[in-house]
Amino acid sequence: MPEYRFVLRPTSEEITRALDQRLVAGVLDEAGRRDSTTMLDDALKRELLSVMANDASPENSYRAFLALLADAAGTNDLHRGQTLLAWTECAGTSHDVERLVYFTALHLYRTLEYDAALGLINRHLATPDTKGRAGRDQFLMLKALCVWGGGNDGASAIEVVDAMLTEHPDSPLAPHALFLRAWVHLYCGRIGAARTGFGEVVSKYPRSEYATRAEELLAGLPAGE
């Protein structure tokens, strides 16, 4: 069974737009002191992850978020001359912070650092001012993918998907959520549940990319199970 890694990639335009918003103020002070000229090295990356997990200072935590976002974008054009104060005083930061946190968690997922991504996602979901239903759905889907990727914990992944679909059954991410749930059933050997799940994707969202993939998988399932 191949590893489940499907879509979920920020476009280069999305990352460029985030960087162009000048919210990367004072980002790589730590890296600058180490004369880092390209991407973050592993040691510094671990330090930044530790800051996100353990540092009580929001300023330091967001420095770490932004540094990892810049690393995901593959750039060292980090507007080092700006201060974090200018960033925090920028209008509309709540949405921008959410996007930065999401891109950082997404980057960690793509680099197989599931525990670090989950820590960041859970921390964000626990904040009382999480903005927007669509944004919450994105975080929940990424959480389900991290739970699954980090140890093939099918029960927990399905629990997260079910919670998202219960809260927001008409979510734009519902096709992906249903597909992931069916995929987990298939991986765990529950052929009947997988067939039902993939069939639900095809019937409810016939024009989605997940319907096409579901049809391919349905065609390969053994008969009579």
Foldseek 3Di string as FASTA:
>chain_A
DDQDDDDLDDDLVVLVVLQVVLLLEQQPPVVVVVVDDWADDPVVLVVLLCCLQDPPDPLSVVSSLSNLSCNLSGDPPRNHVGHNVVNVPDPPVLVSSLVSLLSSLSSCVVVLVLVSSLSSLVVQVPDPPNDDLLSNLSSLLSNLSSVCSNPNPLVVSLVSLVVSCVVPVPHPCNLVSLLVNLVSCVVVPVLVSNLVSLVCSCVPPVPDPSVVVSVVVNVVGDPDD
